[in-house]
C-alpha cells in the first residue's frame, strides 16, 4: 500500500483516456473533515473552469472522504489530473482521477 507522500513523490497520474464529451468529471479522494464543503472543493481547482463540485456525505452529514468535480471542458479536467496529489484541502493532499461514467439504471 502506498502512502500519500510516496504517491506525491511518484506523481502517479490517472492515464485512462479522457472522456470525449461532457460530463468532464473528476473523482476527488482524501477529502475528510468537518470543514470540507463544495465551495472549498471547487476553489482548490481555481483558475480551472469548474462547473460544479459535490462532497459525498454520510447520513450524519460528514464527508465520506470523496467527492466529484465537473469541469466545463476537457482541458480543465486534464490539467487537474496532471496535478494529482498537489492540491490540498483542509490540510490534506487530495487525489484526482477520472470519475467512472454513470452507471445505467435497470431497464424497465
PDB file of N, CA and C in Angstrom:
ATOM      1  N   UNK A   1       0.843  -1.177   0.000  1.00  0.00           N
ATOM      2  CA  UNK A   1       0.000   0.000   0.000  1.00  0.00           C
ATOM      3  C   UNK A   1       0.890   1.243   0.000  1.00  0.00           C
ATOM      4  N   UNK A   2       0.523   2.236  -0.797  1.00  0.00           N
ATOM      5  CA  UNK A   2       1.295   3.465  -0.900  1.00  0.00           C
ATOM      6  C   UNK A   2       0.811   4.486   0.124  1.00  0.00           C
ATOM      7  N   UNK A   3       1.719   5.287   0.602  1.00  0.00           N
ATOM      8  CA  UNK A   3       1.346   6.398   1.466  1.00  0.00           C
ATOM      9  C   UNK A   3       1.198   7.648   0.612  1.00  0.00           C
ATOM     10  N   UNK A   4       0.481   8.638   1.112  1.00  0.00           N
ATOM     11  CA  UNK A   4       0.272   9.861   0.346  1.00  0.00           C
ATOM     12  C   UNK A   4       1.593  10.524  -0.039  1.00  0.00           C
ATOM     13  N   UNK A   5       2.560  10.701   0.895  1.00  0.00           N
ATOM     14  CA  UNK A   5       3.821  11.323   0.469  1.00  0.00           C
ATOM     15  C   UNK A   5       4.528  10.536  -0.632  1.00  0.00           C
ATOM     16  N   UNK A   6       4.461   9.189  -0.569  1.00  0.00           N
ATOM     17  CA  UNK A   6       5.097   8.383  -1.598  1.00  0.00           C
ATOM     18  C   UNK A   6       4.415   8.612  -2.944  1.00  0.00           C
ATOM     19  N   UNK A   7       3.088   8.645  -2.953  1.00  0.00           N
ATOM     20  CA  UNK A   7       2.362   8.888  -4.184  1.00  0.00           C
ATOM     21  C   UNK A   7       2.658  10.278  -4.727  1.00  0.00           C
ATOM     22  N   UNK A   8       2.765  11.243  -3.839  1.00  0.00           N
ATOM     23  CA  UNK A   8       3.072  12.605  -4.268  1.00  0.00           C
ATOM     24  C   UNK A   8       4.441  12.648  -4.937  1.00  0.00           C
ATOM     25  N   UNK A   9       5.397  11.920  -4.371  1.00  0.00           N
ATOM     26  CA  UNK A   9       6.730  11.889  -4.979  1.00  0.00           C
ATOM     27  C   UNK A   9       6.690  11.205  -6.335  1.00  0.00           C
ATOM     28  N   UNK A  10       5.929  10.115  -6.436  1.00  0.00           N
ATOM     29  CA  UNK A  10       5.862   9.359  -7.682  1.00  0.00           C
ATOM     30  C   UNK A  10       4.960  10.026  -8.717  1.00  0.00           C
ATOM     31  N   UNK A  11       4.112  10.949  -8.252  1.00  0.00           N
ATOM     32  CA  UNK A  11       3.198  11.683  -9.129  1.00  0.00           C
ATOM     33  C   UNK A  11       2.416  10.753 -10.043  1.00  0.00           C
ATOM     34  N   UNK A  12       1.837   9.733  -9.463  1.00  0.00           N
ATOM     35  CA  UNK A  12       1.030   8.806 -10.245  1.00  0.00           C
ATOM     36  C   UNK A  12      -0.201   9.531 -10.765  1.00  0.00           C
ATOM     37  N   UNK A  13      -0.347   9.511 -12.076  1.00  0.00           N
ATOM     38  CA  UNK A  13      -1.439  10.208 -12.731  1.00  0.00           C
ATOM     39  C   UNK A  13      -2.340   9.169 -13.381  1.00  0.00           C
ATOM     40  N   UNK A  14      -3.637   9.421 -13.341  1.00  0.00           N
ATOM     41  CA  UNK A  14      -4.605   8.553 -13.997  1.00  0.00           C
ATOM     42  C   UNK A  14      -4.421   8.703 -15.500  1.00  0.00           C
ATOM     43  N   UNK A  15      -3.946   7.660 -16.151  1.00  0.00           N
ATOM     44  CA  UNK A  15      -3.642   7.733 -17.582  1.00  0.00           C
ATOM     45  C   UNK A  15      -4.722   7.111 -18.454  1.00  0.00           C
ATOM     46  N   UNK A  16      -5.911   6.869 -17.869  1.00  0.00           N
ATOM     47  CA  UNK A  16      -7.002   6.353 -18.689  1.00  0.00           C
ATOM     48  C   UNK A  16      -7.421   7.426 -19.700  1.00  0.00           C
ATOM     49  N   UNK A  17      -8.040   7.015 -20.794  1.00  0.00           N
ATOM     50  CA  UNK A  17      -8.467   8.010 -21.787  1.00  0.00           C
ATOM     51  C   UNK A  17      -9.461   9.003 -21.186  1.00  0.00           C
ATOM     52  N   UNK A  18      -9.307  10.256 -21.570  1.00  0.00           N
ATOM     53  CA  UNK A  18     -10.236  11.294 -21.125  1.00  0.00           C
ATOM     54  C   UNK A  18     -11.572  11.124 -21.841  1.00  0.00           C
ATOM     55  N   UNK A  19     -12.653  11.541 -21.205  1.00  0.00           N
ATOM     56  CA  UNK A  19     -13.941  11.496 -21.898  1.00  0.00           C
ATOM     57  C   UNK A  19     -13.882  12.367 -23.147  1.00  0.00           C
ATOM     58  N   UNK A  20     -14.595  11.956 -24.178  1.00  0.00           N
ATOM     59  CA  UNK A  20     -14.595  12.713 -25.427  1.00  0.00           C
ATOM     60  C   UNK A  20     -15.723  13.726 -25.486  1.00  0.00           C
ATOM     61  N   UNK A  21     -16.660  13.626 -24.544  1.00  0.00           N
ATOM     62  CA  UNK A  21     -17.771  14.576 -24.475  1.00  0.00           C
ATOM     63  C   UNK A  21     -18.166  14.755 -23.018  1.00  0.00           C
ATOM     64  N   UNK A  22     -18.893  15.830 -22.706  1.00  0.00           N
ATOM     65  CA  UNK A  22     -19.297  16.062 -21.307  1.00  0.00           C
ATOM     66  C   UNK A  22     -20.131  14.901 -20.781  1.00  0.00           C
ATOM     67  N   UNK A  23     -20.142  14.680 -19.490  1.00  0.00           N
ATOM     68  CA  UNK A  23     -19.502  15.495 -18.459  1.00  0.00           C
ATOM     69  C   UNK A  23     -18.021  15.161 -18.310  1.00  0.00           C
ATOM     70  N   UNK A  24     -17.222  16.172 -17.999  1.00  0.00           N
ATOM     71  CA  UNK A  24     -15.787  16.027 -17.738  1.00  0.00           C
ATOM     72  C   UNK A  24     -15.610  16.034 -16.221  1.00  0.00           C
ATOM     73  N   UNK A  25     -15.755  14.862 -15.622  1.00  0.00           N
ATOM     74  CA  UNK A  25     -15.837  14.771 -14.166  1.00  0.00           C
ATOM     75  C   UNK A  25     -14.636  14.051 -13.580  1.00  0.00           C
ATOM     76  N   UNK A  26     -14.130  14.605 -12.487  1.00  0.00           N
ATOM     77  CA  UNK A  26     -13.024  14.001 -11.748  1.00  0.00           C
ATOM     78  C   UNK A  26     -13.529  13.476 -10.412  1.00  0.00           C
ATOM     79  N   UNK A  27     -13.031  12.322 -10.027  1.00  0.00           N
ATOM     80  CA  UNK A  27     -13.240  11.782  -8.684  1.00  0.00           C
ATOM     81  C   UNK A  27     -12.154  12.389  -7.814  1.00  0.00           C
ATOM     82  N   UNK A  28     -12.529  12.923  -6.663  1.00  0.00           N
ATOM     83  CA  UNK A  28     -11.573  13.551  -5.758  1.00  0.00           C
ATOM     84  C   UNK A  28     -11.572  12.747  -4.465  1.00  0.00           C
ATOM     85  N   UNK A  29     -10.441  12.201  -4.091  1.00  0.00           N
ATOM     86  CA  UNK A  29     -10.328  11.392  -2.884  1.00  0.00           C
ATOM     87  C   UNK A  29      -9.495  12.064  -1.813  1.00  0.00           C
ATOM     88  N   UNK A  30      -9.606  11.541  -0.598  1.00  0.00           N
ATOM     89  CA  UNK A  30      -8.871  12.010   0.574  1.00  0.00           C
ATOM     90  C   UNK A  30      -9.362  13.385   1.039  1.00  0.00           C
ATOM     91  N   UNK A  31     -10.666  13.587   0.985  1.00  0.00           N
ATOM     92  CA  UNK A  31     -11.238  14.865   1.449  1.00  0.00           C
ATOM     93  C   UNK A  31     -12.064  14.622   2.716  1.00  0.00           C
ATOM     94  N   UNK A  32     -11.396  14.498   3.816  1.00  0.00           N
ATOM     95  CA  UNK A  32     -12.013  14.250   5.118  1.00  0.00           C
ATOM     96  C   UNK A  32     -12.094  15.544   5.907  1.00  0.00           C
ATOM     97  N   UNK A  33     -12.984  15.585   6.863  1.00  0.00           N
ATOM     98  CA  UNK A  33     -13.026  16.709   7.792  1.00  0.00           C
ATOM     99  C   UNK A  33     -14.368  17.389   7.816  1.00  0.00           C
ATOM    100  N   UNK A  34     -14.665  17.970   8.965  1.00  0.00           N
ATOM    101  CA  UNK A  34     -15.931  18.671   9.141  1.00  0.00           C
ATOM    102  C   UNK A  34     -15.987  19.963   8.344  1.00  0.00           C
ATOM    103  N   UNK A  35     -14.834  20.510   7.983  1.00  0.00           N
ATOM    104  CA  UNK A  35     -14.793  21.783   7.265  1.00  0.00           C
ATOM    105  C   UNK A  35     -14.861  21.629   5.751  1.00  0.00           C
ATOM    106  N   UNK A  36     -14.896  20.395   5.258  1.00  0.00           N
ATOM    107  CA  UNK A  36     -14.919  20.159   3.818  1.00  0.00           C
ATOM    108  C   UNK A  36     -16.291  20.535   3.273  1.00  0.00           C
ATOM    109  N   UNK A  37     -16.300  21.386   2.233  1.00  0.00           N
ATOM    110  CA  UNK A  37     -17.567  21.753   1.598  1.00  0.00           C
ATOM    111  C   UNK A  37     -17.352  21.945   0.099  1.00  0.00           C
ATOM    112  N   UNK A  38     -18.450  22.100  -0.613  1.00  0.00           N
ATOM    113  CA  UNK A  38     -18.401  22.196  -2.067  1.00  0.00           C
ATOM    114  C   UNK A  38     -17.632  23.427  -2.546  1.00  0.00           C
ATOM    115  N   UNK A  39     -17.824  24.554  -1.894  1.00  0.00           N
ATOM    116  CA  UNK A  39     -17.120  25.755  -2.356  1.00  0.00           C
ATOM    117  C   UNK A  39     -15.613  25.628  -2.150  1.00  0.00           C
ATOM    118  N   UNK A  40     -15.201  25.029  -1.046  1.00  0.00           N
ATOM    119  CA  UNK A  40     -13.774  24.802  -0.810  1.00  0.00           C
ATOM    120  C   UNK A  40     -13.189  23.819  -1.801  1.00  0.00           C
ATOM    121  N   UNK A  41     -13.967  22.777  -2.127  1.00  0.00           N
ATOM    122  CA  UNK A  41     -13.508  21.796  -3.105  1.00  0.00           C
ATOM    123  C   UNK A  41     -13.335  22.455  -4.472  1.00  0.00           C
ATOM    124  N   UNK A  42     -14.299  23.237  -4.895  1.00  0.00           N
ATOM    125  CA  UNK A  42     -14.195  23.923  -6.185  1.00  0.00           C
ATOM    126  C   UNK A  42     -13.033  24.910  -6.195  1.00  0.00           C
ATOM    127  N   UNK A  43     -12.813  25.587  -5.077  1.00  0.00           N
ATOM    128  CA  UNK A  43     -11.789  26.631  -5.005  1.00  0.00           C
ATOM    129  C   UNK A  43     -10.375  26.107  -5.207  1.00  0.00           C
ATOM    130  N   UNK A  44     -10.104  24.863  -4.797  1.00  0.00           N
ATOM    131  CA  UNK A  44      -8.727  24.371  -4.949  1.00  0.00           C
ATOM    132  C   UNK A  44      -8.342  24.176  -6.408  1.00  0.00           C
ATOM    133  N   UNK A  45      -9.338  24.121  -7.280  1.00  0.00           N
ATOM    134  CA  UNK A  45      -9.047  23.943  -8.709  1.00  0.00           C
ATOM    135  C   UNK A  45      -9.046  25.254  -9.483  1.00  0.00           C
ATOM    136  N   UNK A  46      -9.094  26.375  -8.783  1.00  0.00           N
ATOM    137  CA  UNK A  46      -9.016  27.671  -9.422  1.00  0.00           C
ATOM    138  C   UNK A  46      -7.609  27.821  -9.998  1.00  0.00           C
ATOM    139  N   UNK A  47      -7.419  28.308 -11.158  1.00  0.00           N
ATOM    140  CA  UNK A  47      -8.295  29.013 -12.068  1.00  0.00           C
ATOM    141  C   UNK A  47      -8.906  28.113 -13.151  1.00  0.00           C
ATOM    142  N   UNK A  48      -8.933  26.798 -12.962  1.00  0.00           N
ATOM    143  CA  UNK A  48      -9.543  25.922 -13.958  1.00  0.00           C
ATOM    144  C   UNK A  48     -11.050  26.185 -14.036  1.00  0.00           C
ATOM    145  N   UNK A  49     -11.662  25.746 -15.107  1.00  0.00           N
ATOM    146  CA  UNK A  49     -13.086  26.007 -15.338  1.00  0.00           C
ATOM    147  C   UNK A  49     -13.937  24.928 -14.669  1.00  0.00           C
ATOM    148  N   UNK A  50     -14.339  25.179 -13.412  1.00  0.00           N
ATOM    149  CA  UNK A  50     -15.150  24.243 -12.639  1.00  0.00           C
ATOM    150  C   UNK A  50     -16.629  24.548 -12.881  1.00  0.00           C
ATOM    151  N   UNK A  51     -17.370  23.518 -13.253  1.00  0.00           N
ATOM    152  CA  UNK A  51     -18.812  23.671 -13.470  1.00  0.00           C
ATOM    153  C   UNK A  51     -19.575  23.399 -12.173  1.00  0.00           C
ATOM    154  N   UNK A  52     -19.162  22.355 -11.423  1.00  0.00           N
ATOM    155  CA  UNK A  52     -19.821  22.031 -10.156  1.00  0.00           C
ATOM    156  C   UNK A  52     -18.901  21.164  -9.311  1.00  0.00           C
ATOM    157  N   UNK A  53     -19.190  21.133  -8.012  1.00  0.00           N
ATOM    158  CA  UNK A  53     -18.434  20.300  -7.071  1.00  0.00           C
ATOM    159  C   UNK A  53     -19.422  19.690  -6.089  1.00  0.00           C
ATOM    160  N   UNK A  54     -19.177  18.445  -5.718  1.00  0.00           N
ATOM    161  CA  UNK A  54     -20.062  17.737  -4.792  1.00  0.00           C
ATOM    162  C   UNK A  54     -19.226  16.902  -3.834  1.00  0.00           C
ATOM    163  N   UNK A  55     -19.397  17.135  -2.527  1.00  0.00           N
ATOM    164  CA  UNK A  55     -18.773  16.315  -1.494  1.00  0.00           C
ATOM    165  C   UNK A  55     -19.795  15.261  -1.085  1.00  0.00           C
ATOM    166  N   UNK A  56     -19.425  14.009  -1.143  1.00  0.00           N
ATOM    167  CA  UNK A  56     -20.342  12.938  -0.748  1.00  0.00           C
ATOM    168  C   UNK A  56     -20.348  12.839   0.777  1.00  0.00           C
ATOM    169  N   UNK A  57     -21.543  12.749   1.353  1.00  0.00           N
ATOM    170  CA  UNK A  57     -21.709  12.777   2.805  1.00  0.00           C
ATOM    171  C   UNK A  57     -22.465  11.553   3.295  1.00  0.00           C
ATOM    172  N   UNK A  58     -22.211  11.200   4.568  1.00  0.00           N
ATOM    173  CA  UNK A  58     -22.953  10.110   5.181  1.00  0.00           C
ATOM    174  C   UNK A  58     -24.276  10.650   5.733  1.00  0.00           C
ATOM    175  N   UNK A  59     -25.045   9.791   6.390  1.00  0.00           N
ATOM    176  CA  UNK A  59     -26.356  10.202   6.908  1.00  0.00           C
ATOM    177  C   UNK A  59     -26.261  11.273   7.991  1.00  0.00           C
ATOM    178  N   UNK A  60     -25.106  11.394   8.630  1.00  0.00           N
ATOM    179  CA  UNK A  60     -24.909  12.412   9.661  1.00  0.00           C
ATOM    180  C   UNK A  60     -24.345  13.717   9.099  1.00  0.00           C
ATOM    181  N   UNK A  61     -24.169  13.782   7.786  1.00  0.00           N
ATOM    182  CA  UNK A  61     -23.670  14.994   7.159  1.00  0.00           C
ATOM    183  C   UNK A  61     -22.156  15.108   7.108  1.00  0.00           C
ATOM    184  N   UNK A  62     -21.439  14.074   7.533  1.00  0.00           N
ATOM    185  CA  UNK A  62     -19.966  14.105   7.490  1.00  0.00           C
ATOM    186  C   UNK A  62     -19.467  13.647   6.125  1.00  0.00           C
ATOM    187  N   UNK A  63     -18.345  14.202   5.724  1.00  0.00           N
ATOM    188  CA  UNK A  63     -17.741  13.809   4.456  1.00  0.00           C
ATOM    189  C   UNK A  63     -17.425  12.322   4.480  1.00  0.00           C
ATOM    190  N   UNK A  64     -17.726  11.643   3.375  1.00  0.00           N
ATOM    191  CA  UNK A  64     -17.387  10.227   3.229  1.00  0.00           C
ATOM    192  C   UNK A  64     -15.953  10.062   2.717  1.00  0.00           C
ATOM    193  N   UNK A  65     -15.256  11.181   2.538  1.00  0.00           N
ATOM    194  CA  UNK A  65     -13.856  11.119   2.129  1.00  0.00           C
ATOM    195  C   UNK A  65     -13.626  11.275   0.637  1.00  0.00           C
ATOM    196  N   UNK A  66     -14.703  11.469  -0.101  1.00  0.00           N
ATOM    197  CA  UNK A  66     -14.541  11.658  -1.549  1.00  0.00           C
ATOM    198  C   UNK A  66     -15.645  12.550  -2.089  1.00  0.00           C
ATOM    199  N   UNK A  67     -15.428  12.992  -3.317  1.00  0.00           N
ATOM    200  CA  UNK A  67     -16.409  13.831  -3.980  1.00  0.00           C
ATOM    201  C   UNK A  67     -16.120  13.877  -5.467  1.00  0.00           C
ATOM    202  N   UNK A  68     -16.808  14.766  -6.148  1.00  0.00           N
ATOM    203  CA  UNK A  68     -16.673  14.878  -7.591  1.00  0.00           C
ATOM    204  C   UNK A  68     -16.624  16.344  -7.985  1.00  0.00           C
ATOM    205  N   UNK A  69     -15.806  16.630  -8.995  1.00  0.00           N
ATOM    206  CA  UNK A  69     -15.762  17.969  -9.578  1.00  0.00           C
ATOM    207  C   UNK A  69     -15.997  17.806 -11.070  1.00  0.00           C
ATOM    208  N   UNK A  70     -16.981  18.535 -11.574  1.00  0.00           N
ATOM    209  CA  UNK A  70     -17.233  18.532 -13.006  1.00  0.00           C
ATOM    210  C   UNK A  70     -16.633  19.799 -13.589  1.00  0.00           C
ATOM    211  N   UNK A  71     -15.858  19.615 -14.640  1.00  0.00           N
ATOM    212  CA  UNK A  71     -15.210  20.729 -15.310  1.00  0.00           C
ATOM    213  C   UNK A  71     -15.978  21.093 -16.582  1.00  0.00           C
ATOM    214  N   UNK A  72     -15.856  22.338 -16.991  1.00  0.00           N
ATOM    215  CA  UNK A  72     -16.561  22.809 -18.179  1.00  0.00           C
ATOM    216  C   UNK A  72     -15.970  22.248 -19.466  1.00  0.00           C
ATOM    217  N   UNK A  73     -14.682  21.894 -19.426  1.00  0.00           N
ATOM    218  CA  UNK A  73     -14.049  21.394 -20.646  1.00  0.00           C
ATOM    219  C   UNK A  73     -13.003  20.338 -20.330  1.00  0.00           C
ATOM    220  N   UNK A  74     -12.623  19.611 -21.382  1.00  0.00           N
ATOM    221  CA  UNK A  74     -11.649  18.525 -21.241  1.00  0.00           C
ATOM    222  C   UNK A  74     -10.275  19.059 -20.840  1.00  0.00           C
ATOM    223  N   UNK A  75      -9.929  20.240 -21.309  1.00  0.00           N
ATOM    224  CA  UNK A  75      -8.636  20.848 -20.992  1.00  0.00           C
ATOM    225  C   UNK A  75      -8.486  21.050 -19.477  1.00  0.00           C
ATOM    226  N   UNK A  76      -9.545  21.511 -18.812  1.00  0.00           N
ATOM    227  CA  UNK A  76      -9.502  21.725 -17.360  1.00  0.00           C
ATOM    228  C   UNK A  76      -9.389  20.401 -16.617  1.00  0.00           C
ATOM    229  N   UNK A  77     -10.127  19.379 -17.059  1.00  0.00           N
ATOM    230  CA  UNK A  77     -10.023  18.054 -16.434  1.00  0.00           C
ATOM    231  C   UNK A  77      -8.603  17.526 -16.565  1.00  0.00           C
ATOM    232  N   UNK A  78      -8.034  17.636 -17.738  1.00  0.00           N
ATOM    233  CA  UNK A  78      -6.667  17.150 -17.968  1.00  0.00           C
ATOM    234  C   UNK A  78      -5.663  17.879 -17.067  1.00  0.00           C
ATOM    235  N   UNK A  79      -5.815  19.192 -16.930  1.00  0.00           N
ATOM    236  CA  UNK A  79      -4.917  19.973 -16.077  1.00  0.00           C
ATOM    237  C   UNK A  79      -5.033  19.543 -14.619  1.00  0.00           C
ATOM    238  N   UNK A  80      -6.251  19.271 -14.156  1.00  0.00           N
ATOM    239  CA  UNK A  80      -6.451  18.815 -12.774  1.00  0.00           C
ATOM    240  C   UNK A  80      -5.804  17.455 -12.551  1.00  0.00           C
ATOM    241  N   UNK A  81      -5.938  16.553 -13.504  1.00  0.00           N
ATOM    242  CA  UNK A  81      -5.358  15.215 -13.386  1.00  0.00           C
ATOM    243  C   UNK A  81      -3.835  15.263 -13.323  1.00  0.00           C
ATOM    244  N   UNK A  82      -3.237  16.184 -14.042  1.00  0.00           N
ATOM    245  CA  UNK A  82      -1.783  16.278 -14.076  1.00  0.00           C
ATOM    246  C   UNK A  82      -1.200  16.781 -12.765  1.00  0.00           C
ATOM    247  N   UNK A  83      -2.045  17.333 -11.892  1.00  0.00           N
ATOM    248  CA  UNK A  83      -1.561  17.846 -10.613  1.00  0.00           C
ATOM    249  C   UNK A  83      -2.090  17.032  -9.434  1.00  0.00           C
ATOM    250  N   UNK A  84      -2.449  15.763  -9.679  1.00  0.00           N
ATOM    251  CA  UNK A  84      -2.937  14.941  -8.584  1.00  0.00           C
ATOM    252  C   UNK A  84      -1.886  14.872  -7.483  1.00  0.00           C
ATOM    253  N   UNK A  85      -2.334  14.852  -6.253  1.00  0.00           N
ATOM    254  CA  UNK A  85      -1.511  14.866  -5.042  1.00  0.00           C
ATOM    255  C   UNK A  85      -0.766  16.187  -4.866  1.00  0.00           C
ATOM    256  N   UNK A  86      -1.135  17.219  -5.599  1.00  0.00           N
ATOM    257  CA  UNK A  86      -0.533  18.533  -5.407  1.00  0.00           C
ATOM    258  C   UNK A  86      -1.538  19.549  -4.882  1.00  0.00           C
ATOM    259  N   UNK A  87      -2.820  19.177  -4.878  1.00  0.00           N
ATOM    260  CA  UNK A  87      -3.866  20.052  -4.337  1.00  0.00           C
ATOM    261  C   UNK A  87      -4.084  19.704  -2.867  1.00  0.00           C
ATOM    262  N   UNK A  88      -4.392  20.703  -2.058  1.00  0.00           N
ATOM    263  CA  UNK A  88      -4.611  20.491  -0.631  1.00  0.00           C
ATOM    264  C   UNK A  88      -5.957  21.071  -0.226  1.00  0.00           C
ATOM    265  N   UNK A  89      -6.706  20.306   0.589  1.00  0.00           N
ATOM    266  CA  UNK A  89      -7.985  20.756   1.115  1.00  0.00           C
ATOM    267  C   UNK A  89      -8.036  20.387   2.590  1.00  0.00           C
ATOM    268  N   UNK A  90      -8.246  21.367   3.440  1.00  0.00           N
ATOM    269  CA  UNK A  90      -8.294  21.166   4.903  1.00  0.00           C
ATOM    270  C   UNK A  90      -7.041  20.450   5.403  1.00  0.00           C
ATOM    271  N   UNK A  91      -5.884  20.816   4.841  1.00  0.00           N
ATOM    272  CA  UNK A  91      -4.608  20.276   5.298  1.00  0.00           C
ATOM    273  C   UNK A  91      -4.255  18.901   4.763  1.00  0.00           C
ATOM    274  N   UNK A  92      -5.022  18.382   3.824  1.00  0.00           N
ATOM    275  CA  UNK A  92      -4.738  17.063   3.260  1.00  0.00           C
ATOM    276  C   UNK A  92      -4.518  17.174   1.759  1.00  0.00           C
ATOM    277  N   UNK A  93      -3.539  16.413   1.263  1.00  0.00           N
ATOM    278  CA  UNK A  93      -3.364  16.329  -0.183  1.00  0.00           C
ATOM    279  C   UNK A  93      -4.504  15.490  -0.740  1.00  0.00           C
ATOM    280  N   UNK A  94      -5.077  15.909  -1.853  1.00  0.00           N
ATOM    281  CA  UNK A  94      -6.192  15.180  -2.437  1.00  0.00           C
ATOM    282  C   UNK A  94      -5.757  14.430  -3.685  1.00  0.00           C
ATOM    283  N   UNK A  95      -6.438  13.334  -3.921  1.00  0.00           N
ATOM    284  CA  UNK A  95      -6.182  12.525  -5.107  1.00  0.00           C
ATOM    285  C   UNK A  95      -7.198  12.902  -6.168  1.00  0.00           C
ATOM    286  N   UNK A  96      -6.750  13.028  -7.408  1.00  0.00           N
ATOM    287  CA  UNK A  96      -7.622  13.370  -8.525  1.00  0.00           C
ATOM    288  C   UNK A  96      -7.510  12.258  -9.558  1.00  0.00           C
ATOM    289  N   UNK A  97      -8.658  11.728  -9.974  1.00  0.00           N
ATOM    290  CA  UNK A  97      -8.650  10.745 -11.053  1.00  0.00           C
ATOM    291  C   UNK A  97      -9.921  10.901 -11.871  1.00  0.00           C
ATOM    292  N   UNK A  98      -9.957  10.297 -13.025  1.00  0.00           N
ATOM    293  CA  UNK A  98     -11.133  10.369 -13.880  1.00  0.00           C
ATOM    294  C   UNK A  98     -12.264   9.611 -13.203  1.00  0.00           C
ATOM    295  N   UNK A  99     -13.417  10.257 -13.093  1.00  0.00           N
ATOM    296  CA  UNK A  99     -14.580   9.593 -12.499  1.00  0.00           C
ATOM    297  C   UNK A  99     -15.103   8.536 -13.463  1.00  0.00           C
ATOM    298  N   UNK A 100     -15.529   7.420 -12.896  1.00  0.00           N
ATOM    299  CA  UNK A 100     -16.163   6.400 -13.726  1.00  0.00           C
ATOM    300  C   UNK A 100     -17.463   6.972 -14.286  1.00  0.00           C
ATOM    301  N   UNK A 101     -17.817   6.597 -15.512  1.00  0.00           N
ATOM    302  CA  UNK A 101     -19.063   7.124 -16.073  1.00  0.00           C
ATOM    303  C   UNK A 101     -20.265   6.648 -15.257  1.00  0.00           C
ATOM    304  N   UNK A 102     -21.357   7.419 -15.280  1.00  0.00           N
ATOM    305  CA  UNK A 102     -22.535   6.999 -14.539  1.00  0.00           C
ATOM    306  C   UNK A 102     -23.024   5.639 -15.020  1.00  0.00           C
ATOM    307  N   UNK A 103     -23.474   4.837 -14.079  1.00  0.00           N
ATOM    308  CA  UNK A 103     -23.994   3.507 -14.414  1.00  0.00           C
ATOM    309  C   UNK A 103     -25.419   3.665 -14.951  1.00  0.00           C
ATOM    310  N   UNK A 104     -25.720   2.860 -15.920  1.00  0.00           N
ATOM    311  CA  UNK A 104     -27.082   2.834 -16.449  1.00  0.00           C
ATOM    312  C   UNK A 104     -27.978   2.135 -15.441  1.00  0.00           C
ATOM    313  N   UNK A 105     -29.139   2.689 -15.213  1.00  0.00           N
ATOM    314  CA  UNK A 105     -30.103   2.064 -14.308  1.00  0.00           C
ATOM    315  C   UNK A 105     -30.714   0.834 -14.959  1.00  0.00           C
ATOM    316  N   UNK A 106     -31.395  -0.006 -14.177  1.00  0.00           N
ATOM    317  CA  UNK A 106     -32.021  -1.198 -14.754  1.00  0.00           C
ATOM    318  C   UNK A 106     -33.131  -0.796 -15.735  1.00  0.00           C
ATOM    319  N   UNK A 107     -33.210  -1.507 -16.808  1.00  0.00           N
ATOM    320  CA  UNK A 107     -34.269  -1.193 -17.780  1.00  0.00           C
ATOM    321  C   UNK A 107     -35.583  -1.761 -17.289  1.00  0.00           C
ATOM    322  N   UNK A 108     -36.645  -1.037 -17.556  1.00  0.00           N
ATOM    323  CA  UNK A 108     -37.968  -1.445 -17.083  1.00  0.00           C
ATOM    324  C   UNK A 108     -38.790  -1.957 -18.210  1.00  0.00           C
TER     325      UNK A 108
END
